[in-house]
Amino acid sequence: MGVLGAFGSGLDFDSSTASQPISVFMLVAPRLLTGAHLKALARLSRLFRDAGFRQRLLDAPDGDAIYKTIEEEDAKY
Protein backbone atom coordinates (compact mmCIF):
# COMPACT_ATOMS: atom_id res chain seq x y z
CA MET A 1 0.00 0.00 0.00
CA GLY A 2 1.27 3.45 -0.75
CA VAL A 3 0.30 7.03 -0.01
CA LEU A 4 1.37 10.06 -2.01
CA GLY A 5 1.32 13.56 -0.57
CA ALA A 6 1.79 16.59 -2.82
CA PHE A 7 2.66 20.01 -1.43
CA GLY A 8 2.59 22.77 -4.06
CA SER A 9 4.52 25.25 -1.92
CA GLY A 10 6.96 22.74 -0.48
CA LEU A 11 7.16 20.93 2.82
CA ASP A 12 9.31 22.44 5.56
CA PHE A 13 10.99 19.76 7.67
CA ASP A 14 14.31 21.37 8.68
CA SER A 15 16.20 19.95 5.72
CA SER A 16 19.91 20.65 5.38
CA THR A 17 19.29 21.56 1.72
CA ALA A 18 17.86 24.84 0.48
CA SER A 19 15.06 23.18 -1.48
CA GLN A 20 11.89 21.82 0.06
CA PRO A 21 10.27 18.60 -1.18
CA ILE A 22 6.96 18.99 -2.96
CA SER A 23 5.99 15.33 -2.85
CA VAL A 24 6.30 12.56 -0.31
CA PHE A 25 5.58 8.89 -0.93
CA MET A 26 5.06 6.46 1.91
CA LEU A 27 5.11 2.73 1.26
CA VAL A 28 3.70 0.30 3.79
CA ALA A 29 4.49 -3.41 3.50
CA PRO A 30 4.42 -6.47 5.74
CA ARG A 31 7.65 -7.01 7.63
CA LEU A 32 8.32 -10.39 6.00
CA LEU A 33 7.96 -9.13 2.41
CA THR A 34 11.15 -7.10 2.16
CA GLY A 35 11.88 -8.29 -1.38
CA ALA A 36 8.61 -6.93 -2.73
CA HIS A 37 9.12 -3.75 -0.71
CA LEU A 38 12.54 -3.12 -2.24
CA LYS A 39 11.25 -3.79 -5.76
CA ALA A 40 8.45 -1.29 -5.21
CA LEU A 41 10.92 1.33 -3.97
CA ALA A 42 13.14 0.75 -7.01
CA ARG A 43 10.17 1.24 -9.35
CA LEU A 44 9.10 4.40 -7.56
CA SER A 45 12.63 5.74 -7.73
CA ARG A 46 12.70 5.15 -11.48
CA LEU A 47 9.37 6.94 -11.96
CA PHE A 48 10.18 9.94 -9.79
CA ARG A 49 13.49 10.64 -11.53
CA ASP A 50 11.49 11.97 -14.49
CA ALA A 51 10.76 15.69 -13.98
CA GLY A 52 7.88 15.56 -16.47
CA PHE A 53 6.23 12.75 -14.53
CA ARG A 54 6.57 14.65 -11.27
CA GLN A 55 4.99 17.72 -12.86
CA ARG A 56 2.08 15.67 -14.26
CA LEU A 57 1.42 14.42 -10.73
CA LEU A 58 1.38 17.95 -9.36
CA ASP A 59 -0.92 19.10 -12.18
CA ALA A 60 -3.39 16.23 -11.67
CA PRO A 61 -6.75 17.56 -10.44
CA ASP A 62 -7.60 14.67 -8.11
CA GLY A 63 -6.56 11.30 -6.70
CA ASP A 64 -8.01 9.35 -9.61
CA ALA A 65 -5.94 11.36 -12.09
CA ILE A 66 -2.82 10.84 -9.97
CA TYR A 67 -3.42 7.09 -9.87
CA LYS A 68 -3.95 6.99 -13.66
CA THR A 69 -0.75 8.98 -14.23
CA ILE A 70 1.24 6.54 -12.10
CA GLU A 71 -0.31 3.54 -13.88
CA GLU A 72 0.42 4.96 -17.32
CA GLU A 73 4.02 5.80 -16.47
CA ASP A 74 4.64 2.45 -14.78
CA ALA A 75 3.30 0.62 -17.85
CA LYS A 76 6.18 2.05 -19.91
CA TYR A 77 8.63 -0.12 -17.94
PDB file of N, CA and C in Angstrom:
ATOM      1  N   MET A   1       0.847  -1.160   0.000  1.00  0.00           N
ATOM      2  CA  MET A   1       0.000   0.000   0.000  1.00  0.00           C
ATOM      3  C   MET A   1       0.897   1.229   0.000  1.00  0.00           C
ATOM      4  N   GLY A   2       0.488   2.230  -0.707  1.00  0.00           N
ATOM      5  CA  GLY A   2       1.273   3.453  -0.752  1.00  0.00           C
ATOM      6  C   GLY A   2       0.390   4.673  -0.600  1.00  0.00           C
ATOM      7  N   VAL A   3       0.989   5.751  -0.161  1.00  0.00           N
ATOM      8  CA  VAL A   3       0.305   7.027  -0.008  1.00  0.00           C
ATOM      9  C   VAL A   3       1.206   8.101  -0.597  1.00  0.00           C
ATOM     10  N   LEU A   4       0.622   8.963  -1.401  1.00  0.00           N
ATOM     11  CA  LEU A   4       1.370  10.060  -2.006  1.00  0.00           C
ATOM     12  C   LEU A   4       0.812  11.367  -1.480  1.00  0.00           C
ATOM     13  N   GLY A   5       1.701  12.220  -1.002  1.00  0.00           N
ATOM     14  CA  GLY A   5       1.315  13.556  -0.574  1.00  0.00           C
ATOM     15  C   GLY A   5       1.986  14.574  -1.466  1.00  0.00           C
ATOM     16  N   ALA A   6       1.241  15.540  -1.959  1.00  0.00           N
ATOM     17  CA  ALA A   6       1.795  16.589  -2.820  1.00  0.00           C
ATOM     18  C   ALA A   6       1.608  17.942  -2.142  1.00  0.00           C
ATOM     19  N   PHE A   7       2.659  18.713  -2.112  1.00  0.00           N
ATOM     20  CA  PHE A   7       2.656  20.009  -1.431  1.00  0.00           C
ATOM     21  C   PHE A   7       3.155  21.058  -2.414  1.00  0.00           C
ATOM     22  N   GLY A   8       2.242  21.804  -3.022  1.00  0.00           N
ATOM     23  CA  GLY A   8       2.587  22.770  -4.057  1.00  0.00           C
ATOM     24  C   GLY A   8       3.610  23.804  -3.631  1.00  0.00           C
ATOM     25  N   SER A   9       3.589  24.220  -2.373  1.00  0.00           N
ATOM     26  CA  SER A   9       4.522  25.253  -1.923  1.00  0.00           C
ATOM     27  C   SER A   9       5.727  24.669  -1.188  1.00  0.00           C
ATOM     28  N   GLY A  10       5.839  23.362  -1.165  1.00  0.00           N
ATOM     29  CA  GLY A  10       6.965  22.736  -0.480  1.00  0.00           C
ATOM     30  C   GLY A  10       6.612  22.352   0.939  1.00  0.00           C
ATOM     31  N   LEU A  11       7.389  21.447   1.477  1.00  0.00           N
ATOM     32  CA  LEU A  11       7.163  20.931   2.817  1.00  0.00           C
ATOM     33  C   LEU A  11       8.388  21.248   3.669  1.00  0.00           C
ATOM     34  N   ASP A  12       8.201  22.038   4.698  1.00  0.00           N
ATOM     35  CA  ASP A  12       9.312  22.436   5.557  1.00  0.00           C
ATOM     36  C   ASP A  12       9.527  21.377   6.642  1.00  0.00           C
ATOM     37  N   PHE A  13      10.703  20.754   6.636  1.00  0.00           N
ATOM     38  CA  PHE A  13      10.991  19.760   7.670  1.00  0.00           C
ATOM     39  C   PHE A  13      12.438  19.875   8.153  1.00  0.00           C
ATOM     40  N   ASP A  14      12.954  21.094   8.205  1.00  0.00           N
ATOM     41  CA  ASP A  14      14.310  21.370   8.680  1.00  0.00           C
ATOM     42  C   ASP A  14      15.366  20.599   7.897  1.00  0.00           C
ATOM     43  N   SER A  15      15.243  20.630   6.594  1.00  0.00           N
ATOM     44  CA  SER A  15      16.199  19.953   5.725  1.00  0.00           C
ATOM     45  C   SER A  15      17.511  20.718   5.705  1.00  0.00           C
ATOM     46  N   SER A  16      18.598  19.995   5.483  1.00  0.00           N
ATOM     47  CA  SER A  16      19.906  20.648   5.375  1.00  0.00           C
ATOM     48  C   SER A  16      20.113  21.248   3.989  1.00  0.00           C
ATOM     49  N   THR A  17      19.191  20.988   3.056  1.00  0.00           N
ATOM     50  CA  THR A  17      19.287  21.563   1.716  1.00  0.00           C
ATOM     51  C   THR A  17      18.386  22.780   1.624  1.00  0.00           C
ATOM     52  N   ALA A  18      18.651  23.624   0.643  1.00  0.00           N
ATOM     53  CA  ALA A  18      17.861  24.841   0.478  1.00  0.00           C
ATOM     54  C   ALA A  18      16.480  24.546  -0.095  1.00  0.00           C
ATOM     55  N   SER A  19      16.345  23.466  -0.852  1.00  0.00           N
ATOM     56  CA  SER A  19      15.060  23.181  -1.483  1.00  0.00           C
ATOM     57  C   SER A  19      14.162  22.364  -0.554  1.00  0.00           C
ATOM     58  N   GLN A  20      12.865  22.550  -0.735  1.00  0.00           N
ATOM     59  CA  GLN A  20      11.888  21.820   0.062  1.00  0.00           C
ATOM     60  C   GLN A  20      11.198  20.802  -0.840  1.00  0.00           C
ATOM     61  N   PRO A  21      10.961  19.591  -0.354  1.00  0.00           N
ATOM     62  CA  PRO A  21      10.272  18.598  -1.180  1.00  0.00           C
ATOM     63  C   PRO A  21       8.837  19.026  -1.448  1.00  0.00           C
ATOM     64  N   ILE A  22       8.350  18.687  -2.632  1.00  0.00           N
ATOM     65  CA  ILE A  22       6.965  18.993  -2.957  1.00  0.00           C
ATOM     66  C   ILE A  22       6.115  17.726  -2.996  1.00  0.00           C
ATOM     67  N   SER A  23       6.758  16.572  -2.911  1.00  0.00           N
ATOM     68  CA  SER A  23       5.993  15.328  -2.850  1.00  0.00           C
ATOM     69  C   SER A  23       6.670  14.356  -1.892  1.00  0.00           C
ATOM     70  N   VAL A  24       5.829  13.560  -1.257  1.00  0.00           N
ATOM     71  CA  VAL A  24       6.297  12.560  -0.308  1.00  0.00           C
ATOM     72  C   VAL A  24       5.529  11.278  -0.603  1.00  0.00           C
ATOM     73  N   PHE A  25       6.242  10.174  -0.696  1.00  0.00           N
ATOM     74  CA  PHE A  25       5.584   8.893  -0.928  1.00  0.00           C
ATOM     75  C   PHE A  25       5.904   7.979   0.230  1.00  0.00           C
ATOM     76  N   MET A  26       4.871   7.390   0.817  1.00  0.00           N
ATOM     77  CA  MET A  26       5.057   6.456   1.914  1.00  0.00           C
ATOM     78  C   MET A  26       4.588   5.086   1.454  1.00  0.00           C
ATOM     79  N   LEU A  27       5.429   4.101   1.641  1.00  0.00           N
ATOM     80  CA  LEU A  27       5.108   2.734   1.255  1.00  0.00           C
ATOM     81  C   LEU A  27       5.008   1.885   2.513  1.00  0.00           C
ATOM     82  N   VAL A  28       3.920   1.156   2.638  1.00  0.00           N
ATOM     83  CA  VAL A  28       3.697   0.300   3.793  1.00  0.00           C
ATOM     84  C   VAL A  28       3.641  -1.140   3.298  1.00  0.00           C
ATOM     85  N   ALA A  29       4.444  -2.005   3.925  1.00  0.00           N
ATOM     86  CA  ALA A  29       4.486  -3.409   3.503  1.00  0.00           C
ATOM     87  C   ALA A  29       4.671  -4.296   4.729  1.00  0.00           C
ATOM     88  N   PRO A  30       4.203  -5.536   4.624  1.00  0.00           N
ATOM     89  CA  PRO A  30       4.421  -6.472   5.735  1.00  0.00           C
ATOM     90  C   PRO A  30       5.908  -6.688   5.994  1.00  0.00           C
ATOM     91  N   ARG A  31       6.257  -6.864   7.214  1.00  0.00           N
ATOM     92  CA  ARG A  31       7.646  -7.008   7.631  1.00  0.00           C
ATOM     93  C   ARG A  31       8.373  -8.134   6.888  1.00  0.00           C
ATOM     94  N   LEU A  32       7.687  -9.215   6.607  1.00  0.00           N
ATOM     95  CA  LEU A  32       8.318 -10.385   5.996  1.00  0.00           C
ATOM     96  C   LEU A  32       8.435 -10.308   4.475  1.00  0.00           C
ATOM     97  N   LEU A  33       7.909  -9.262   3.863  1.00  0.00           N
ATOM     98  CA  LEU A  33       7.964  -9.133   2.408  1.00  0.00           C
ATOM     99  C   LEU A  33       8.953  -8.054   1.978  1.00  0.00           C
ATOM    100  N   THR A  34      10.164  -8.135   2.464  1.00  0.00           N
ATOM    101  CA  THR A  34      11.148  -7.096   2.155  1.00  0.00           C
ATOM    102  C   THR A  34      11.546  -7.098   0.689  1.00  0.00           C
ATOM    103  N   GLY A  35      11.529  -8.249   0.039  1.00  0.00           N
ATOM    104  CA  GLY A  35      11.884  -8.291  -1.379  1.00  0.00           C
ATOM    105  C   GLY A  35      10.917  -7.485  -2.220  1.00  0.00           C
ATOM    106  N   ALA A  36       9.629  -7.676  -1.990  1.00  0.00           N
ATOM    107  CA  ALA A  36       8.607  -6.934  -2.727  1.00  0.00           C
ATOM    108  C   ALA A  36       8.698  -5.442  -2.407  1.00  0.00           C
ATOM    109  N   HIS A  37       8.982  -5.131  -1.157  1.00  0.00           N
ATOM    110  CA  HIS A  37       9.120  -3.749  -0.709  1.00  0.00           C
ATOM    111  C   HIS A  37      10.254  -3.051  -1.447  1.00  0.00           C
ATOM    112  N   LEU A  38      11.392  -3.713  -1.559  1.00  0.00           N
ATOM    113  CA  LEU A  38      12.540  -3.118  -2.245  1.00  0.00           C
ATOM    114  C   LEU A  38      12.286  -2.960  -3.734  1.00  0.00           C
ATOM    115  N   LYS A  39      11.596  -3.908  -4.340  1.00  0.00           N
ATOM    116  CA  LYS A  39      11.252  -3.787  -5.765  1.00  0.00           C
ATOM    117  C   LYS A  39      10.322  -2.596  -5.992  1.00  0.00           C
ATOM    118  N   ALA A  40       9.361  -2.418  -5.090  1.00  0.00           N
ATOM    119  CA  ALA A  40       8.445  -1.288  -5.212  1.00  0.00           C
ATOM    120  C   ALA A  40       9.197   0.032  -5.071  1.00  0.00           C
ATOM    121  N   LEU A  41      10.122   0.108  -4.137  1.00  0.00           N
ATOM    122  CA  LEU A  41      10.924   1.333  -3.971  1.00  0.00           C
ATOM    123  C   LEU A  41      11.773   1.617  -5.206  1.00  0.00           C
ATOM    124  N   ALA A  42      12.329   0.580  -5.799  1.00  0.00           N
ATOM    125  CA  ALA A  42      13.135   0.752  -7.015  1.00  0.00           C
ATOM    126  C   ALA A  42      12.271   1.290  -8.151  1.00  0.00           C
ATOM    127  N   ARG A  43      11.073   0.761  -8.293  1.00  0.00           N
ATOM    128  CA  ARG A  43      10.171   1.236  -9.355  1.00  0.00           C
ATOM    129  C   ARG A  43       9.776   2.688  -9.124  1.00  0.00           C
ATOM    130  N   LEU A  44       9.462   3.019  -7.883  1.00  0.00           N
ATOM    131  CA  LEU A  44       9.101   4.402  -7.564  1.00  0.00           C
ATOM    132  C   LEU A  44      10.262   5.346  -7.844  1.00  0.00           C
ATOM    133  N   SER A  45      11.446   4.926  -7.483  1.00  0.00           N
ATOM    134  CA  SER A  45      12.630   5.744  -7.728  1.00  0.00           C
ATOM    135  C   SER A  45      12.798   6.014  -9.216  1.00  0.00           C
ATOM    136  N   ARG A  46      12.580   4.996 -10.036  1.00  0.00           N
ATOM    137  CA  ARG A  46      12.698   5.152 -11.484  1.00  0.00           C
ATOM    138  C   ARG A  46      11.659   6.153 -11.990  1.00  0.00           C
ATOM    139  N   LEU A  47      10.429   6.039 -11.516  1.00  0.00           N
ATOM    140  CA  LEU A  47       9.370   6.941 -11.963  1.00  0.00           C
ATOM    141  C   LEU A  47       9.637   8.390 -11.563  1.00  0.00           C
ATOM    142  N   PHE A  48      10.031   8.581 -10.311  1.00  0.00           N
ATOM    143  CA  PHE A  48      10.177   9.940  -9.788  1.00  0.00           C
ATOM    144  C   PHE A  48      11.432  10.658 -10.260  1.00  0.00           C
ATOM    145  N   ARG A  49      12.326   9.961 -10.944  1.00  0.00           N
ATOM    146  CA  ARG A  49      13.493  10.642 -11.535  1.00  0.00           C
ATOM    147  C   ARG A  49      13.097  11.520 -12.717  1.00  0.00           C
ATOM    148  N   ASP A  50      11.952  11.249 -13.306  1.00  0.00           N
ATOM    149  CA  ASP A  50      11.485  11.974 -14.487  1.00  0.00           C
ATOM    150  C   ASP A  50      10.755  13.251 -14.058  1.00  0.00           C
ATOM    151  N   ALA A  51      11.341  14.407 -14.379  1.00  0.00           N
ATOM    152  CA  ALA A  51      10.755  15.687 -13.981  1.00  0.00           C
ATOM    153  C   ALA A  51       9.375  15.889 -14.598  1.00  0.00           C
ATOM    154  N   GLY A  52       9.178  15.425 -15.824  1.00  0.00           N
ATOM    155  CA  GLY A  52       7.878  15.557 -16.475  1.00  0.00           C
ATOM    156  C   GLY A  52       6.801  14.763 -15.753  1.00  0.00           C
ATOM    157  N   PHE A  53       7.155  13.580 -15.300  1.00  0.00           N
ATOM    158  CA  PHE A  53       6.229  12.750 -14.534  1.00  0.00           C
ATOM    159  C   PHE A  53       5.850  13.438 -13.231  1.00  0.00           C
ATOM    160  N   ARG A  54       6.850  13.956 -12.530  1.00  0.00           N
ATOM    161  CA  ARG A  54       6.571  14.646 -11.268  1.00  0.00           C
ATOM    162  C   ARG A  54       5.634  15.832 -11.485  1.00  0.00           C
ATOM    163  N   GLN A  55       5.844  16.565 -12.575  1.00  0.00           N
ATOM    164  CA  GLN A  55       4.990  17.720 -12.858  1.00  0.00           C
ATOM    165  C   GLN A  55       3.566  17.283 -13.195  1.00  0.00           C
ATOM    166  N   ARG A  56       3.421  16.178 -13.945  1.00  0.00           N
ATOM    167  CA  ARG A  56       2.079  15.671 -14.258  1.00  0.00           C
ATOM    168  C   ARG A  56       1.336  15.281 -12.980  1.00  0.00           C
ATOM    169  N   LEU A  57       2.052  14.736 -12.008  1.00  0.00           N
ATOM    170  CA  LEU A  57       1.417  14.415 -10.731  1.00  0.00           C
ATOM    171  C   LEU A  57       0.928  15.681 -10.036  1.00  0.00           C
ATOM    172  N   LEU A  58       1.767  16.700 -10.027  1.00  0.00           N
ATOM    173  CA  LEU A  58       1.382  17.952  -9.363  1.00  0.00           C
ATOM    174  C   LEU A  58       0.228  18.641 -10.075  1.00  0.00           C
ATOM    175  N   ASP A  59       0.143  18.471 -11.398  1.00  0.00           N
ATOM    176  CA  ASP A  59      -0.921  19.099 -12.179  1.00  0.00           C
ATOM    177  C   ASP A  59      -2.229  18.310 -12.151  1.00  0.00           C
ATOM    178  N   ALA A  60      -2.193  17.075 -11.681  1.00  0.00           N
ATOM    179  CA  ALA A  60      -3.393  16.228 -11.670  1.00  0.00           C
ATOM    180  C   ALA A  60      -4.451  16.850 -10.759  1.00  0.00           C
ATOM    181  N   PRO A  61      -5.704  16.881 -11.217  1.00  0.00           N
ATOM    182  CA  PRO A  61      -6.749  17.556 -10.442  1.00  0.00           C
ATOM    183  C   PRO A  61      -7.275  16.775  -9.238  1.00  0.00           C
ATOM    184  N   ASP A  62      -7.064  15.459  -9.226  1.00  0.00           N
ATOM    185  CA  ASP A  62      -7.603  14.674  -8.114  1.00  0.00           C
ATOM    186  C   ASP A  62      -6.849  13.344  -7.983  1.00  0.00           C
ATOM    187  N   GLY A  63      -7.220  12.574  -6.973  1.00  0.00           N
ATOM    188  CA  GLY A  63      -6.556  11.305  -6.697  1.00  0.00           C
ATOM    189  C   GLY A  63      -6.675  10.301  -7.831  1.00  0.00           C
ATOM    190  N   ASP A  64      -7.836  10.275  -8.497  1.00  0.00           N
ATOM    191  CA  ASP A  64      -8.008   9.348  -9.613  1.00  0.00           C
ATOM    192  C   ASP A  64      -7.045   9.668 -10.749  1.00  0.00           C
ATOM    193  N   ALA A  65      -6.864  10.944 -11.033  1.00  0.00           N
ATOM    194  CA  ALA A  65      -5.941  11.356 -12.093  1.00  0.00           C
ATOM    195  C   ALA A  65      -4.491  11.036 -11.709  1.00  0.00           C
ATOM    196  N   ILE A  66      -4.161  11.181 -10.440  1.00  0.00           N
ATOM    197  CA  ILE A  66      -2.817  10.840  -9.970  1.00  0.00           C
ATOM    198  C   ILE A  66      -2.573   9.350 -10.146  1.00  0.00           C
ATOM    199  N   TYR A  67      -3.547   8.540  -9.741  1.00  0.00           N
ATOM    200  CA  TYR A  67      -3.421   7.086  -9.871  1.00  0.00           C
ATOM    201  C   TYR A  67      -3.247   6.690 -11.339  1.00  0.00           C
ATOM    202  N   LYS A  68      -4.043   7.293 -12.229  1.00  0.00           N
ATOM    203  CA  LYS A  68      -3.954   6.992 -13.658  1.00  0.00           C
ATOM    204  C   LYS A  68      -2.589   7.397 -14.210  1.00  0.00           C
ATOM    205  N   THR A  69      -2.072   8.525 -13.782  1.00  0.00           N
ATOM    206  CA  THR A  69      -0.750   8.976 -14.232  1.00  0.00           C
ATOM    207  C   THR A  69       0.324   7.994 -13.811  1.00  0.00           C
ATOM    208  N   ILE A  70       0.262   7.513 -12.581  1.00  0.00           N
ATOM    209  CA  ILE A  70       1.235   6.538 -12.099  1.00  0.00           C
ATOM    210  C   ILE A  70       1.118   5.232 -12.887  1.00  0.00           C
ATOM    211  N   GLU A  71      -0.106   4.775 -13.108  1.00  0.00           N
ATOM    212  CA  GLU A  71      -0.315   3.541 -13.876  1.00  0.00           C
ATOM    213  C   GLU A  71       0.248   3.649 -15.285  1.00  0.00           C
ATOM    214  N   GLU A  72      -0.037   4.754 -15.947  1.00  0.00           N
ATOM    215  CA  GLU A  72       0.424   4.956 -17.324  1.00  0.00           C
ATOM    216  C   GLU A  72       1.949   4.995 -17.390  1.00  0.00           C
ATOM    217  N   GLU A  73       2.555   5.695 -16.461  1.00  0.00           N
ATOM    218  CA  GLU A  73       4.020   5.802 -16.473  1.00  0.00           C
ATOM    219  C   GLU A  73       4.651   4.460 -16.143  1.00  0.00           C
ATOM    220  N   ASP A  74       4.113   3.748 -15.182  1.00  0.00           N
ATOM    221  CA  ASP A  74       4.644   2.452 -14.783  1.00  0.00           C
ATOM    222  C   ASP A  74       4.539   1.434 -15.921  1.00  0.00           C
ATOM    223  N   ALA A  75       3.493   1.542 -16.733  1.00  0.00           N
ATOM    224  CA  ALA A  75       3.297   0.615 -17.847  1.00  0.00           C
ATOM    225  C   ALA A  75       4.397   0.741 -18.908  1.00  0.00           C
ATOM    226  N   LYS A  76       5.087   1.860 -18.934  1.00  0.00           N
ATOM    227  CA  LYS A  76       6.178   2.052 -19.905  1.00  0.00           C
ATOM    228  C   LYS A  76       7.373   1.164 -19.594  1.00  0.00           C
ATOM    229  N   TYR A  77       7.483   0.691 -18.353  1.00  0.00           N
ATOM    230  CA  TYR A  77       8.633  -0.118 -17.944  1.00  0.00           C
ATOM    231  C   TYR A  77       8.250  -1.549 -17.904  1.00  0.00           C
TER     232      TYR A  77
END
